[in-house]
Amino acid sequence: MAFEIRRLGPKDAAAYGEMLDLFALGFEDPETYSAARPDAEYVTGRLADPGFVALVAWDGAVAVGALAAYTLQKFEQARAEMYIYDLAVHPEHRRKRVATGLIEALKPIARAAGASVIFVQADHGDAPAITLYSGLGTREDVLHFDIPVA
């Protein structure tokens, strides 16, 4: 499969919506990704922020994969890490190296941001994600906790 990966910029509001559509479909979570979409000003600001990376894989004019990542500036040393927050591939395009291509496209962006590593979380039981990430890096078993702020 031939696909093109492009980093979204401030003028890519329509593509940002397609990215959210992919996440809603890929994670089967329309509530999170579709119910309260941000306005154009917010989207433009996100895409203008150099610490936020939005990559979309295109098969022609169709978005087939997407990745959202953040640069995490560390405090203990003058270095950074890149965190993959979300990565999804359209169900019809899975197992075609789209996810791997997105991660490979993130590597030079991470290096340019001063990141020493890219990290990502996968849920227990998500065998496809665990297989993908195990083939690309070293696995660490950790627990993740969400702490409410209100």
Protein backbone atom coordinates (compact mmCIF):
# COMPACT_ATOMS: atom_id res chain seq x y z
CA MET A 1 0.00 0.00 0.00
CA ALA A 2 1.26 3.45 -0.87
CA PHE A 3 0.32 6.20 1.53
CA GLU A 4 1.59 9.66 2.29
CA ILE A 5 2.14 10.95 5.82
CA ARG A 6 1.79 14.65 6.48
CA ARG A 7 2.14 16.75 9.63
CA LEU A 8 -0.87 19.00 10.09
CA GLY A 9 -0.31 22.72 10.44
CA PRO A 10 -2.47 25.71 11.47
CA LYS A 11 -4.34 25.77 8.13
CA ASP A 12 -5.40 22.11 8.33
CA ALA A 13 -8.64 22.41 10.32
CA ALA A 14 -10.54 20.12 7.92
CA ALA A 15 -7.84 17.44 8.15
CA TYR A 16 -7.90 17.83 11.96
CA GLY A 17 -11.59 16.87 11.83
CA GLU A 18 -10.73 13.81 9.73
CA MET A 19 -8.10 12.88 12.32
CA LEU A 20 -10.73 13.07 15.07
CA ASP A 21 -13.06 10.93 12.93
CA LEU A 22 -10.34 8.30 12.66
CA PHE A 23 -9.79 8.27 16.42
CA ALA A 24 -13.55 7.98 17.04
CA LEU A 25 -13.75 5.02 14.66
CA GLY A 26 -10.49 3.36 15.66
CA PHE A 27 -11.17 3.53 19.39
CA GLU A 28 -14.94 3.05 19.01
CA ASP A 29 -15.35 6.21 21.10
CA PRO A 30 -17.43 8.84 19.29
CA GLU A 31 -18.32 10.50 22.60
CA THR A 32 -14.71 11.57 23.24
CA TYR A 33 -13.77 12.47 19.69
CA SER A 34 -17.01 13.79 18.20
CA ALA A 35 -19.40 15.07 20.88
CA ALA A 36 -17.71 18.36 21.78
CA ARG A 37 -15.27 19.21 19.03
CA PRO A 38 -13.15 22.31 19.57
CA ASP A 39 -13.78 25.48 17.59
CA ALA A 40 -11.55 26.69 14.73
CA GLU A 41 -9.54 29.02 16.95
CA TYR A 42 -8.64 26.19 19.33
CA VAL A 43 -7.74 23.85 16.45
CA THR A 44 -5.53 26.49 14.84
CA GLY A 45 -3.76 27.08 18.16
CA ARG A 46 -3.18 23.37 18.72
CA LEU A 47 -1.76 22.91 15.25
CA ALA A 48 0.47 25.98 15.61
CA ASP A 49 1.95 24.69 18.89
CA PRO A 50 5.39 23.15 18.15
CA GLY A 51 4.98 20.92 21.22
CA PHE A 52 1.97 19.18 19.63
CA VAL A 53 2.35 16.85 16.66
CA ALA A 54 -0.56 15.68 14.51
CA LEU A 55 0.35 13.27 11.72
CA VAL A 56 -2.13 11.87 9.22
CA ALA A 57 -1.53 9.04 6.75
CA TRP A 58 -3.37 9.55 3.46
CA ASP A 59 -4.29 7.06 0.76
CA GLY A 60 -5.03 9.61 -1.93
CA ALA A 61 -7.61 11.96 -0.39
CA VAL A 62 -8.67 9.46 2.30
CA ALA A 63 -7.24 9.64 5.83
CA VAL A 64 -6.30 6.08 6.78
CA GLY A 65 -4.24 6.63 9.95
CA ALA A 66 -3.49 9.32 12.50
CA LEU A 67 -1.12 9.99 15.37
CA ALA A 68 -1.23 12.72 18.03
CA ALA A 69 1.86 13.30 20.16
CA TYR A 70 3.25 15.80 22.65
CA THR A 71 6.78 16.89 23.44
CA LEU A 72 7.40 16.52 27.16
CA GLN A 73 10.17 18.81 28.37
CA LYS A 74 11.92 17.09 31.27
CA PHE A 75 12.95 18.87 34.46
CA GLU A 76 15.77 16.68 35.77
CA GLN A 77 17.95 17.18 32.71
CA ALA A 78 17.92 19.45 29.66
CA ARG A 79 16.18 16.91 27.46
CA ALA A 80 12.77 15.97 26.17
CA GLU A 81 10.67 12.90 25.45
CA MET A 82 7.94 12.50 22.84
CA TYR A 83 4.67 10.97 24.04
CA ILE A 84 2.31 9.31 21.57
CA TYR A 85 -1.07 10.19 23.03
CA ASP A 86 -3.26 8.58 20.34
CA LEU A 87 -2.60 6.43 17.29
CA ALA A 88 -5.35 4.87 15.17
CA VAL A 89 -5.65 3.23 11.77
CA HIS A 90 -8.87 2.82 9.82
CA PRO A 91 -10.03 -0.81 10.22
CA GLU A 92 -9.84 -1.45 6.46
CA HIS A 93 -6.18 -0.34 6.38
CA ARG A 94 -4.79 -2.22 9.38
CA ARG A 95 -1.84 -4.58 9.03
CA LYS A 96 -0.51 -2.52 6.12
CA ARG A 97 2.26 -0.79 8.09
CA VAL A 98 0.35 2.48 8.45
CA ALA A 99 0.95 2.65 12.23
CA THR A 100 4.62 1.81 11.79
CA GLY A 101 4.89 4.46 9.08
CA LEU A 102 3.36 7.07 11.39
CA ILE A 103 5.82 6.22 14.16
CA GLU A 104 8.74 6.29 11.73
CA ALA A 105 7.58 9.73 10.53
CA LEU A 106 7.50 10.91 14.16
CA LYS A 107 11.14 9.97 14.81
CA PRO A 108 12.80 12.90 12.97
CA ILE A 109 10.28 15.30 14.48
CA ALA A 110 11.14 13.94 17.94
CA ARG A 111 14.87 14.28 17.27
CA ALA A 112 14.40 17.87 16.09
CA ALA A 113 12.47 18.62 19.30
CA GLY A 114 15.41 17.31 21.35
CA ALA A 115 13.62 14.14 22.43
CA SER A 116 15.77 11.22 23.53
CA VAL A 117 12.92 8.70 23.28
CA ILE A 118 9.34 8.27 22.06
CA PHE A 119 7.01 6.60 24.54
CA VAL A 120 3.49 5.23 24.30
CA GLN A 121 1.04 3.35 26.49
CA ALA A 122 -1.08 0.33 25.57
CA ASP A 123 -3.90 -1.21 27.53
CA HIS A 124 -3.68 -4.74 28.92
CA GLY A 125 -5.55 -6.96 26.50
CA ASP A 126 -4.92 -4.75 23.45
CA ALA A 127 -2.92 -7.45 21.69
CA PRO A 128 -2.51 -5.62 18.34
CA ALA A 129 -1.08 -2.51 20.01
CA ILE A 130 1.16 -4.56 22.31
CA THR A 131 2.48 -6.54 19.34
CA LEU A 132 3.13 -3.36 17.33
CA TYR A 133 4.94 -1.53 20.12
CA SER A 134 6.88 -4.61 21.26
CA GLY A 135 8.33 -4.84 17.77
CA LEU A 136 9.47 -1.22 17.89
CA GLY A 137 10.82 -0.76 21.39
CA THR A 138 11.36 -1.99 24.92
CA ARG A 139 8.32 -2.88 27.01
CA GLU A 140 7.87 -1.59 30.54
CA ASP A 141 4.92 -2.74 32.63
CA VAL A 142 3.41 0.20 34.49
CA LEU A 143 0.07 1.23 35.89
CA HIS A 144 -1.66 4.39 34.72
CA PHE A 145 -3.94 6.40 37.02
CA ASP A 146 -6.32 9.23 36.11
CA ILE A 147 -6.67 11.66 39.00
CA PRO A 148 -9.61 14.06 38.79
CA VAL A 149 -8.81 17.74 39.25
CA ALA A 150 -12.28 18.80 40.41
